[in-house]
């Protein structure tokens, strides 16, 4: 105890052991709470037990390989590593960004924001990858067989962009079933598309209704089989009906075959 300048008595706490102990106790409690929080965040006793990868096109194994994340990895290695994995895929042309979340049960959840592949376009006997915005790759690359090739479209045209949007809106099973998309306008249908399917059928549709109408495709194929038609035309422009190939359809397909043979012969000649 001491006297103030006004003659009043004051209590000094700087050397008071009781107050010092209380301050030390609260400091220790805060540090211990932070330690526990860090411990439960890193979970050094736990491993990654399961991985879940959400993609639109990419195979989940591709993503895990690029990130180098595996079941059995220590939990702490991946805790709070969202920015780290994004640095790993910074120059990857297929991925825009990744998000990583770890659940308390040891599940690593990865969500992928992809640069989608809409298909491939041939220019001067070289193939180029086309993304969801109709932008072409700077380097030539062979089609992957998982997305269609686009024929007779003008680069960057509205009809091309609408077609890409419609194609990417289709169910995954149906997207994989399409081998080629042709811009095939006729007087009665100026926006007509012709889709060459992997099963040998030809589909006519419009970009505005393509994604919705393609859901009818399996039923229409079944109808064709009931009629004894192995391969034919499924017209989805104004409803949905199936028929046999006609001369106009054969001419369309034969012209495509002719173009392919010409381009292949040119490329073989240029390589000699």
C-alpha atoms as a PDB file:
ATOM      1  CA  UNK A   1       0.000   0.000   0.000  1.00  0.00           C
ATOM      2  CA  UNK A   2       1.176   3.514  -0.807  1.00  0.00           C
ATOM      3  CA  UNK A   3      -0.002   7.145  -0.630  1.00  0.00           C
ATOM      4  CA  UNK A   4      -1.002   8.970  -3.795  1.00  0.00           C
ATOM      5  CA  UNK A   5      -0.038  12.584  -4.517  1.00  0.00           C
ATOM      6  CA  UNK A   6      -3.410  13.582  -3.059  1.00  0.00           C
ATOM      7  CA  UNK A   7      -2.723  11.739   0.131  1.00  0.00           C
ATOM      8  CA  UNK A   8      -5.095   8.853  -0.654  1.00  0.00           C
ATOM      9  CA  UNK A   9      -4.198   5.220  -0.198  1.00  0.00           C
ATOM     10  CA  UNK A  10      -3.849   3.060  -3.362  1.00  0.00           C
ATOM     11  CA  UNK A  11      -3.231  -0.640  -3.917  1.00  0.00           C
ATOM     12  CA  UNK A  12      -0.243  -1.606  -6.141  1.00  0.00           C
ATOM     13  CA  UNK A  13      -0.932  -4.689  -8.324  1.00  0.00           C
ATOM     14  CA  UNK A  14       2.414  -4.897 -10.139  1.00  0.00           C
ATOM     15  CA  UNK A  15       4.055  -6.814  -7.327  1.00  0.00           C
ATOM     16  CA  UNK A  16       0.937  -8.460  -5.954  1.00  0.00           C
ATOM     17  CA  UNK A  17       1.446 -12.270  -6.126  1.00  0.00           C
ATOM     18  CA  UNK A  18      -2.304 -12.937  -6.210  1.00  0.00           C
ATOM     19  CA  UNK A  19      -2.863 -10.824  -9.319  1.00  0.00           C
ATOM     20  CA  UNK A  20       0.273 -12.220 -10.935  1.00  0.00           C
ATOM     21  CA  UNK A  21      -0.973 -15.768 -10.450  1.00  0.00           C
ATOM     22  CA  UNK A  22      -4.381 -14.919 -11.907  1.00  0.00           C
ATOM     23  CA  UNK A  23      -2.766 -13.335 -14.977  1.00  0.00           C
ATOM     24  CA  UNK A  24      -0.466 -16.312 -15.404  1.00  0.00           C
ATOM     25  CA  UNK A  25      -3.425 -18.685 -15.098  1.00  0.00           C
ATOM     26  CA  UNK A  26      -5.446 -16.884 -17.796  1.00  0.00           C
ATOM     27  CA  UNK A  27      -2.426 -16.747 -20.112  1.00  0.00           C
ATOM     28  CA  UNK A  28      -1.833 -20.466 -19.662  1.00  0.00           C
ATOM     29  CA  UNK A  29      -5.535 -21.186 -20.224  1.00  0.00           C
ATOM     30  CA  UNK A  30      -5.565 -19.203 -23.484  1.00  0.00           C
ATOM     31  CA  UNK A  31      -2.409 -20.915 -24.736  1.00  0.00           C
ATOM     32  CA  UNK A  32      -3.824 -24.319 -23.811  1.00  0.00           C
ATOM     33  CA  UNK A  33      -7.089 -23.556 -25.632  1.00  0.00           C
ATOM     34  CA  UNK A  34      -5.132 -22.498 -28.729  1.00  0.00           C
ATOM     35  CA  UNK A  35      -3.062 -25.678 -28.489  1.00  0.00           C
ATOM     36  CA  UNK A  36      -6.203 -27.830 -28.308  1.00  0.00           C
ATOM     37  CA  UNK A  37      -7.719 -25.957 -31.225  1.00  0.00           C
ATOM     38  CA  UNK A  38      -4.592 -26.525 -33.315  1.00  0.00           C
ATOM     39  CA  UNK A  39      -4.464 -30.165 -32.237  1.00  0.00           C
ATOM     40  CA  UNK A  40      -8.042 -30.829 -33.341  1.00  0.00           C
ATOM     41  CA  UNK A  41      -7.432 -28.919 -36.576  1.00  0.00           C
ATOM     42  CA  UNK A  42      -4.366 -30.968 -37.545  1.00  0.00           C
ATOM     43  CA  UNK A  43      -5.565 -34.288 -36.009  1.00  0.00           C
ATOM     44  CA  UNK A  44      -2.124 -35.942 -35.963  1.00  0.00           C
ATOM     45  CA  UNK A  45      -3.700 -39.229 -34.873  1.00  0.00           C
ATOM     46  CA  UNK A  46      -5.847 -39.508 -38.015  1.00  0.00           C
ATOM     47  CA  UNK A  47      -5.238 -40.529 -41.648  1.00  0.00           C
ATOM     48  CA  UNK A  48      -7.191 -39.818 -44.840  1.00  0.00           C
ATOM     49  CA  UNK A  49      -9.678 -42.692 -45.004  1.00  0.00           C
ATOM     50  CA  UNK A  50     -11.678 -41.775 -48.108  1.00  0.00           C
ATOM     51  CA  UNK A  51     -11.572 -39.381 -51.055  1.00  0.00           C
ATOM     52  CA  UNK A  52     -14.536 -37.818 -52.849  1.00  0.00           C
ATOM     53  CA  UNK A  53     -13.859 -35.897 -56.053  1.00  0.00           C
ATOM     54  CA  UNK A  54     -16.599 -33.897 -57.768  1.00  0.00           C
ATOM     55  CA  UNK A  55     -15.926 -33.180 -61.445  1.00  0.00           C
ATOM     56  CA  UNK A  56     -17.915 -32.539 -64.608  1.00  0.00           C
ATOM     57  CA  UNK A  57     -15.728 -34.237 -67.204  1.00  0.00           C
ATOM     58  CA  UNK A  58     -12.422 -35.236 -65.678  1.00  0.00           C
ATOM     59  CA  UNK A  59     -11.807 -38.676 -64.235  1.00  0.00           C
ATOM     60  CA  UNK A  60     -11.413 -38.468 -60.457  1.00  0.00           C
ATOM     61  CA  UNK A  61      -8.174 -40.477 -60.686  1.00  0.00           C
ATOM     62  CA  UNK A  62      -6.661 -37.754 -62.884  1.00  0.00           C
ATOM     63  CA  UNK A  63      -7.411 -35.165 -60.220  1.00  0.00           C
ATOM     64  CA  UNK A  64      -5.989 -37.231 -57.354  1.00  0.00           C
ATOM     65  CA  UNK A  65      -2.843 -37.885 -59.371  1.00  0.00           C
ATOM     66  CA  UNK A  66      -2.360 -34.191 -60.166  1.00  0.00           C
ATOM     67  CA  UNK A  67      -2.888 -33.227 -56.523  1.00  0.00           C
ATOM     68  CA  UNK A  68      -0.928 -36.259 -55.221  1.00  0.00           C
ATOM     69  CA  UNK A  69      -3.473 -37.019 -52.516  1.00  0.00           C
ATOM     70  CA  UNK A  70      -3.940 -40.636 -51.443  1.00  0.00           C
ATOM     71  CA  UNK A  71      -5.930 -42.644 -48.936  1.00  0.00           C
ATOM     72  CA  UNK A  72      -3.617 -43.281 -45.987  1.00  0.00           C
ATOM     73  CA  UNK A  73      -1.952 -39.854 -46.103  1.00  0.00           C
ATOM     74  CA  UNK A  74      -1.637 -38.154 -42.691  1.00  0.00           C
ATOM     75  CA  UNK A  75      -4.582 -35.858 -42.032  1.00  0.00           C
ATOM     76  CA  UNK A  76      -2.323 -33.006 -40.893  1.00  0.00           C
ATOM     77  CA  UNK A  77      -0.489 -32.956 -44.232  1.00  0.00           C
ATOM     78  CA  UNK A  78      -3.630 -31.734 -46.025  1.00  0.00           C
ATOM     79  CA  UNK A  79      -5.270 -29.630 -43.315  1.00  0.00           C
ATOM     80  CA  UNK A  80      -5.619 -26.058 -44.588  1.00  0.00           C
ATOM     81  CA  UNK A  81      -3.808 -26.823 -47.860  1.00  0.00           C
ATOM     82  CA  UNK A  82      -6.372 -25.369 -50.288  1.00  0.00           C
ATOM     83  CA  UNK A  83      -3.960 -22.738 -51.630  1.00  0.00           C
ATOM     84  CA  UNK A  84      -1.132 -25.265 -51.886  1.00  0.00           C
ATOM     85  CA  UNK A  85      -3.040 -27.635 -54.166  1.00  0.00           C
ATOM     86  CA  UNK A  86      -4.129 -24.718 -56.357  1.00  0.00           C
ATOM     87  CA  UNK A  87      -0.483 -23.787 -56.866  1.00  0.00           C
ATOM     88  CA  UNK A  88       0.150 -27.345 -58.040  1.00  0.00           C
ATOM     89  CA  UNK A  89      -2.418 -27.053 -60.828  1.00  0.00           C
ATOM     90  CA  UNK A  90      -1.704 -23.411 -61.684  1.00  0.00           C
ATOM     91  CA  UNK A  91      -0.514 -24.197 -65.214  1.00  0.00           C
ATOM     92  CA  UNK A  92      -2.932 -27.060 -65.856  1.00  0.00           C
ATOM     93  CA  UNK A  93      -5.044 -26.315 -68.934  1.00  0.00           C
ATOM     94  CA  UNK A  94      -7.862 -28.603 -67.763  1.00  0.00           C
ATOM     95  CA  UNK A  95      -8.441 -27.104 -64.304  1.00  0.00           C
ATOM     96  CA  UNK A  96      -9.349 -23.571 -63.266  1.00  0.00           C
ATOM     97  CA  UNK A  97      -9.319 -24.113 -59.519  1.00  0.00           C
ATOM     98  CA  UNK A  98      -9.788 -26.700 -56.779  1.00  0.00           C
ATOM     99  CA  UNK A  99     -11.303 -26.616 -53.331  1.00  0.00           C
ATOM    100  CA  UNK A 100     -10.319 -29.088 -50.615  1.00  0.00           C
ATOM    101  CA  UNK A 101     -12.297 -29.802 -47.469  1.00  0.00           C
ATOM    102  CA  UNK A 102     -11.499 -32.397 -44.815  1.00  0.00           C
ATOM    103  CA  UNK A 103     -14.280 -33.892 -42.731  1.00  0.00           C
ATOM    104  CA  UNK A 104     -13.832 -35.005 -39.121  1.00  0.00           C
ATOM    105  CA  UNK A 105     -14.148 -38.665 -40.134  1.00  0.00           C
ATOM    106  CA  UNK A 106     -11.109 -38.430 -42.443  1.00  0.00           C
ATOM    107  CA  UNK A 107     -12.817 -37.866 -45.799  1.00  0.00           C
ATOM    108  CA  UNK A 108     -11.046 -35.554 -48.252  1.00  0.00           C
ATOM    109  CA  UNK A 109     -13.587 -33.747 -50.456  1.00  0.00           C
ATOM    110  CA  UNK A 110     -12.277 -32.117 -53.637  1.00  0.00           C
ATOM    111  CA  UNK A 111     -14.430 -29.977 -55.908  1.00  0.00           C
ATOM    112  CA  UNK A 112     -13.012 -29.161 -59.328  1.00  0.00           C
ATOM    113  CA  UNK A 113     -13.776 -26.063 -61.376  1.00  0.00           C
ATOM    114  CA  UNK A 114     -12.813 -27.288 -64.852  1.00  0.00           C
ATOM    115  CA  UNK A 115     -11.931 -25.756 -68.162  1.00  0.00           C
ATOM    116  CA  UNK A 116     -14.466 -27.884 -70.001  1.00  0.00           C
ATOM    117  CA  UNK A 117     -13.758 -29.559 -73.312  1.00  0.00           C
ATOM    118  CA  UNK A 118     -16.701 -28.990 -75.645  1.00  0.00           C
ATOM    119  CA  UNK A 119     -15.099 -30.979 -78.448  1.00  0.00           C
ATOM    120  CA  UNK A 120     -12.610 -30.696 -81.289  1.00  0.00           C
ATOM    121  CA  UNK A 121     -12.401 -28.742 -84.535  1.00  0.00           C
ATOM    122  CA  UNK A 122     -10.283 -29.505 -87.591  1.00  0.00           C
ATOM    123  CA  UNK A 123      -8.491 -26.593 -89.272  1.00  0.00           C
ATOM    124  CA  UNK A 124      -6.112 -27.232 -92.184  1.00  0.00           C
ATOM    125  CA  UNK A 125      -5.776 -30.925 -91.391  1.00  0.00           C
ATOM    126  CA  UNK A 126      -4.967 -30.222 -87.735  1.00  0.00           C
ATOM    127  CA  UNK A 127      -7.214 -30.795 -84.744  1.00  0.00           C
ATOM    128  CA  UNK A 128      -7.715 -28.242 -81.984  1.00  0.00           C
ATOM    129  CA  UNK A 129      -9.419 -28.600 -78.629  1.00  0.00           C
ATOM    130  CA  UNK A 130     -12.401 -26.276 -78.084  1.00  0.00           C
ATOM    131  CA  UNK A 131     -13.512 -25.186 -74.618  1.00  0.00           C
ATOM    132  CA  UNK A 132     -16.925 -24.170 -73.281  1.00  0.00           C
ATOM    133  CA  UNK A 133     -16.467 -20.625 -74.610  1.00  0.00           C
ATOM    134  CA  UNK A 134     -15.633 -21.815 -78.153  1.00  0.00           C
ATOM    135  CA  UNK A 135     -11.982 -20.874 -77.665  1.00  0.00           C
ATOM    136  CA  UNK A 136      -9.471 -23.094 -79.445  1.00  0.00           C
ATOM    137  CA  UNK A 137      -6.265 -24.468 -77.979  1.00  0.00           C
ATOM    138  CA  UNK A 138      -3.034 -22.839 -79.123  1.00  0.00           C
ATOM    139  CA  UNK A 139      -1.498 -26.209 -79.985  1.00  0.00           C
ATOM    140  CA  UNK A 140      -2.975 -28.943 -82.147  1.00  0.00           C
ATOM    141  CA  UNK A 141      -4.137 -32.084 -80.373  1.00  0.00           C
ATOM    142  CA  UNK A 142      -5.880 -35.256 -81.487  1.00  0.00           C
ATOM    143  CA  UNK A 143      -9.537 -35.787 -80.450  1.00  0.00           C
ATOM    144  CA  UNK A 144      -9.865 -37.713 -77.204  1.00  0.00           C
ATOM    145  CA  UNK A 145     -12.839 -39.831 -78.313  1.00  0.00           C
ATOM    146  CA  UNK A 146     -14.843 -38.653 -75.293  1.00  0.00           C
ATOM    147  CA  UNK A 147     -16.174 -35.434 -76.813  1.00  0.00           C
ATOM    148  CA  UNK A 148     -17.535 -34.798 -80.323  1.00  0.00           C
ATOM    149  CA  UNK A 149     -15.925 -33.177 -83.320  1.00  0.00           C
ATOM    150  CA  UNK A 150     -17.685 -30.123 -84.758  1.00  0.00           C
ATOM    151  CA  UNK A 151     -18.176 -29.786 -88.509  1.00  0.00           C
ATOM    152  CA  UNK A 152     -19.277 -26.912 -90.778  1.00  0.00           C
ATOM    153  CA  UNK A 153     -19.529 -24.331 -87.991  1.00  0.00           C
ATOM    154  CA  UNK A 154     -18.038 -20.872 -88.317  1.00  0.00           C
ATOM    155  CA  UNK A 155     -15.505 -20.257 -85.563  1.00  0.00           C
ATOM    156  CA  UNK A 156     -16.960 -18.125 -82.769  1.00  0.00           C
ATOM    157  CA  UNK A 157     -20.449 -17.994 -84.314  1.00  0.00           C
ATOM    158  CA  UNK A 158     -23.595 -17.690 -82.193  1.00  0.00           C
ATOM    159  CA  UNK A 159     -24.910 -21.021 -83.437  1.00  0.00           C
ATOM    160  CA  UNK A 160     -21.660 -22.698 -82.370  1.00  0.00           C
ATOM    161  CA  UNK A 161     -21.789 -21.184 -78.886  1.00  0.00           C
ATOM    162  CA  UNK A 162     -25.450 -22.162 -78.488  1.00  0.00           C
ATOM    163  CA  UNK A 163     -24.637 -25.686 -79.624  1.00  0.00           C
ATOM    164  CA  UNK A 164     -21.783 -25.969 -77.120  1.00  0.00           C
ATOM    165  CA  UNK A 165     -24.021 -24.760 -74.295  1.00  0.00           C
ATOM    166  CA  UNK A 166     -26.702 -27.265 -75.290  1.00  0.00           C
ATOM    167  CA  UNK A 167     -24.210 -30.120 -75.575  1.00  0.00           C
ATOM    168  CA  UNK A 168     -22.648 -29.457 -72.167  1.00  0.00           C
ATOM    169  CA  UNK A 169     -26.149 -29.294 -70.642  1.00  0.00           C
ATOM    170  CA  UNK A 170     -26.894 -32.839 -71.747  1.00  0.00           C
ATOM    171  CA  UNK A 171     -26.752 -35.831 -69.448  1.00  0.00           C
ATOM    172  CA  UNK A 172     -23.246 -37.312 -69.196  1.00  0.00           C
ATOM    173  CA  UNK A 173     -24.299 -40.625 -70.752  1.00  0.00           C
ATOM    174  CA  UNK A 174     -25.749 -38.816 -73.754  1.00  0.00           C
ATOM    175  CA  UNK A 175     -22.701 -36.559 -74.109  1.00  0.00           C
ATOM    176  CA  UNK A 176     -20.478 -39.616 -74.372  1.00  0.00           C
ATOM    177  CA  UNK A 177     -22.811 -41.099 -77.002  1.00  0.00           C
ATOM    178  CA  UNK A 178     -22.257 -38.236 -79.482  1.00  0.00           C
ATOM    179  CA  UNK A 179     -19.402 -38.687 -81.976  1.00  0.00           C
ATOM    180  CA  UNK A 180     -19.927 -35.657 -84.220  1.00  0.00           C
ATOM    181  CA  UNK A 181     -22.069 -32.517 -84.372  1.00  0.00           C
ATOM    182  CA  UNK A 182     -22.694 -30.991 -87.807  1.00  0.00           C
ATOM    183  CA  UNK A 183     -24.235 -27.634 -88.588  1.00  0.00           C
ATOM    184  CA  UNK A 184     -26.695 -28.762 -91.255  1.00  0.00           C
ATOM    185  CA  UNK A 185     -29.224 -25.982 -91.964  1.00  0.00           C
ATOM    186  CA  UNK A 186     -32.099 -26.424 -94.390  1.00  0.00           C
ATOM    187  CA  UNK A 187     -34.713 -23.916 -95.543  1.00  0.00           C
ATOM    188  CA  UNK A 188     -37.363 -25.227 -93.176  1.00  0.00           C
ATOM    189  CA  UNK A 189     -34.923 -25.397 -90.241  1.00  0.00           C
ATOM    190  CA  UNK A 190     -32.063 -22.843 -90.477  1.00  0.00           C
ATOM    191  CA  UNK A 191     -30.532 -23.892 -87.136  1.00  0.00           C
ATOM    192  CA  UNK A 192     -30.669 -27.633 -87.717  1.00  0.00           C
ATOM    193  CA  UNK A 193     -27.966 -29.784 -86.185  1.00  0.00           C
ATOM    194  CA  UNK A 194     -27.089 -33.299 -87.279  1.00  0.00           C
ATOM    195  CA  UNK A 195     -25.605 -35.483 -84.564  1.00  0.00           C
ATOM    196  CA  UNK A 196     -23.742 -38.613 -85.598  1.00  0.00           C
ATOM    197  CA  UNK A 197     -24.046 -41.064 -82.727  1.00  0.00           C
ATOM    198  CA  UNK A 198     -21.506 -43.695 -81.725  1.00  0.00           C
ATOM    199  CA  UNK A 199     -24.135 -46.405 -82.217  1.00  0.00           C
ATOM    200  CA  UNK A 200     -24.564 -45.488 -85.908  1.00  0.00           C
ATOM    201  CA  UNK A 201     -27.768 -43.459 -85.685  1.00  0.00           C
ATOM    202  CA  UNK A 202     -28.257 -39.923 -86.979  1.00  0.00           C
ATOM    203  CA  UNK A 203     -30.121 -37.342 -84.891  1.00  0.00           C
ATOM    204  CA  UNK A 204     -31.615 -34.066 -86.122  1.00  0.00           C
ATOM    205  CA  UNK A 205     -32.204 -31.395 -83.482  1.00  0.00           C
ATOM    206  CA  UNK A 206     -32.125 -27.669 -82.750  1.00  0.00           C
ATOM    207  CA  UNK A 207     -29.730 -26.071 -80.228  1.00  0.00           C
ATOM    208  CA  UNK A 208     -32.587 -24.508 -78.254  1.00  0.00           C
ATOM    209  CA  UNK A 209     -34.144 -27.872 -77.394  1.00  0.00           C
ATOM    210  CA  UNK A 210     -31.217 -30.255 -77.827  1.00  0.00           C
ATOM    211  CA  UNK A 211     -30.432 -30.916 -74.150  1.00  0.00           C
ATOM    212  CA  UNK A 212     -34.065 -31.564 -73.227  1.00  0.00           C
ATOM    213  CA  UNK A 213     -35.028 -33.591 -76.300  1.00  0.00           C
ATOM    214  CA  UNK A 214     -31.981 -35.870 -76.128  1.00  0.00           C
ATOM    215  CA  UNK A 215     -33.525 -37.434 -73.032  1.00  0.00           C
ATOM    216  CA  UNK A 216     -35.935 -39.074 -75.498  1.00  0.00           C
ATOM    217  CA  UNK A 217     -33.119 -40.766 -77.398  1.00  0.00           C
ATOM    218  CA  UNK A 218     -33.063 -44.127 -75.547  1.00  0.00           C
ATOM    219  CA  UNK A 219     -36.827 -44.535 -76.003  1.00  0.00           C
ATOM    220  CA  UNK A 220     -36.592 -43.671 -79.682  1.00  0.00           C
ATOM    221  CA  UNK A 221     -33.821 -46.244 -80.169  1.00  0.00           C
ATOM    222  CA  UNK A 222     -36.059 -48.847 -78.532  1.00  0.00           C
ATOM    223  CA  UNK A 223     -38.882 -47.854 -80.896  1.00  0.00           C
ATOM    224  CA  UNK A 224     -36.571 -48.311 -83.884  1.00  0.00           C
ATOM    225  CA  UNK A 225     -35.604 -51.775 -82.702  1.00  0.00           C
ATOM    226  CA  UNK A 226     -39.279 -52.692 -82.351  1.00  0.00           C
ATOM    227  CA  UNK A 227     -39.773 -51.635 -85.980  1.00  0.00           C
ATOM    228  CA  UNK A 228     -36.810 -53.748 -87.038  1.00  0.00           C
ATOM    229  CA  UNK A 229     -34.639 -50.728 -87.860  1.00  0.00           C
ATOM    230  CA  UNK A 230     -31.047 -51.409 -86.815  1.00  0.00           C
ATOM    231  CA  UNK A 231     -29.799 -47.900 -87.554  1.00  0.00           C
ATOM    232  CA  UNK A 232     -31.675 -44.887 -88.798  1.00  0.00           C
ATOM    233  CA  UNK A 233     -32.699 -41.303 -88.171  1.00  0.00           C
ATOM    234  CA  UNK A 234     -34.197 -39.891 -84.993  1.00  0.00           C
ATOM    235  CA  UNK A 235     -35.707 -36.470 -85.587  1.00  0.00           C
ATOM    236  CA  UNK A 236     -36.055 -34.392 -82.419  1.00  0.00           C
ATOM    237  CA  UNK A 237     -36.610 -30.982 -84.004  1.00  0.00           C
ATOM    238  CA  UNK A 238     -40.350 -30.665 -83.443  1.00  0.00           C
ATOM    239  CA  UNK A 239     -41.129 -33.631 -81.244  1.00  0.00           C
ATOM    240  CA  UNK A 240     -39.646 -37.038 -81.746  1.00  0.00           C
ATOM    241  CA  UNK A 241     -39.962 -39.771 -84.336  1.00  0.00           C
ATOM    242  CA  UNK A 242     -37.737 -42.456 -85.816  1.00  0.00           C
ATOM    243  CA  UNK A 243     -37.379 -43.579 -89.424  1.00  0.00           C
ATOM    244  CA  UNK A 244     -35.042 -45.307 -91.839  1.00  0.00           C
ATOM    245  CA  UNK A 245     -32.241 -43.486 -93.610  1.00  0.00           C
ATOM    246  CA  UNK A 246     -33.317 -41.539 -96.702  1.00  0.00           C
ATOM    247  CA  UNK A 247     -31.246 -40.280 -99.636  1.00  0.00           C
ATOM    248  CA  UNK A 248     -30.677 -36.873 -98.042  1.00  0.00           C
ATOM    249  CA  UNK A 249     -29.333 -38.517 -94.887  1.00  0.00           C
ATOM    250  CA  UNK A 250     -27.069 -40.827 -96.876  1.00  0.00           C
ATOM    251  CA  UNK A 251     -25.788 -37.862 -98.884  1.00  0.00           C
ATOM    252  CA  UNK A 252     -24.964 -35.981 -95.683  1.00  0.00           C
ATOM    253  CA  UNK A 253     -23.052 -38.912 -94.214  1.00  0.00           C
ATOM    254  CA  UNK A 254     -21.291 -39.751 -97.470  1.00  0.00           C
ATOM    255  CA  UNK A 255     -20.110 -36.145 -97.840  1.00  0.00           C
ATOM    256  CA  UNK A 256     -18.575 -36.377 -94.383  1.00  0.00           C
ATOM    257  CA  UNK A 257     -16.819 -39.614 -95.306  1.00  0.00           C
ATOM    258  CA  UNK A 258     -15.521 -37.968 -98.477  1.00  0.00           C
ATOM    259  CA  UNK A 259     -14.168 -35.000 -96.521  1.00  0.00           C
ATOM    260  CA  UNK A 260     -12.430 -37.334 -94.084  1.00  0.00           C
ATOM    261  CA  UNK A 261     -10.737 -39.302 -96.844  1.00  0.00           C
ATOM    262  CA  UNK A 262      -9.580 -36.091 -98.551  1.00  0.00           C
ATOM    263  CA  UNK A 263      -8.111 -34.683 -95.354  1.00  0.00           C
ATOM    264  CA  UNK A 264      -6.387 -37.952 -94.490  1.00  0.00           C
ATOM    265  CA  UNK A 265      -4.838 -38.197 -97.973  1.00  0.00           C
ATOM    266  CA  UNK A 266      -3.633 -34.592 -97.771  1.00  0.00           C
ATOM    267  CA  UNK A 267      -2.047 -35.189 -94.392  1.00  0.00           C
ATOM    268  CA  UNK A 268      -0.353 -38.373 -95.596  1.00  0.00           C
ATOM    269  CA  UNK A 269       0.992 -36.583 -98.688  1.00  0.00           C
ATOM    270  CA  UNK A 270       2.325 -33.721 -96.611  1.00  0.00           C
ATOM    271  CA  UNK A 271       4.142 -36.138 -94.328  1.00  0.00           C
ATOM    272  CA  UNK A 272       5.972 -37.834 -97.236  1.00  0.00           C
END
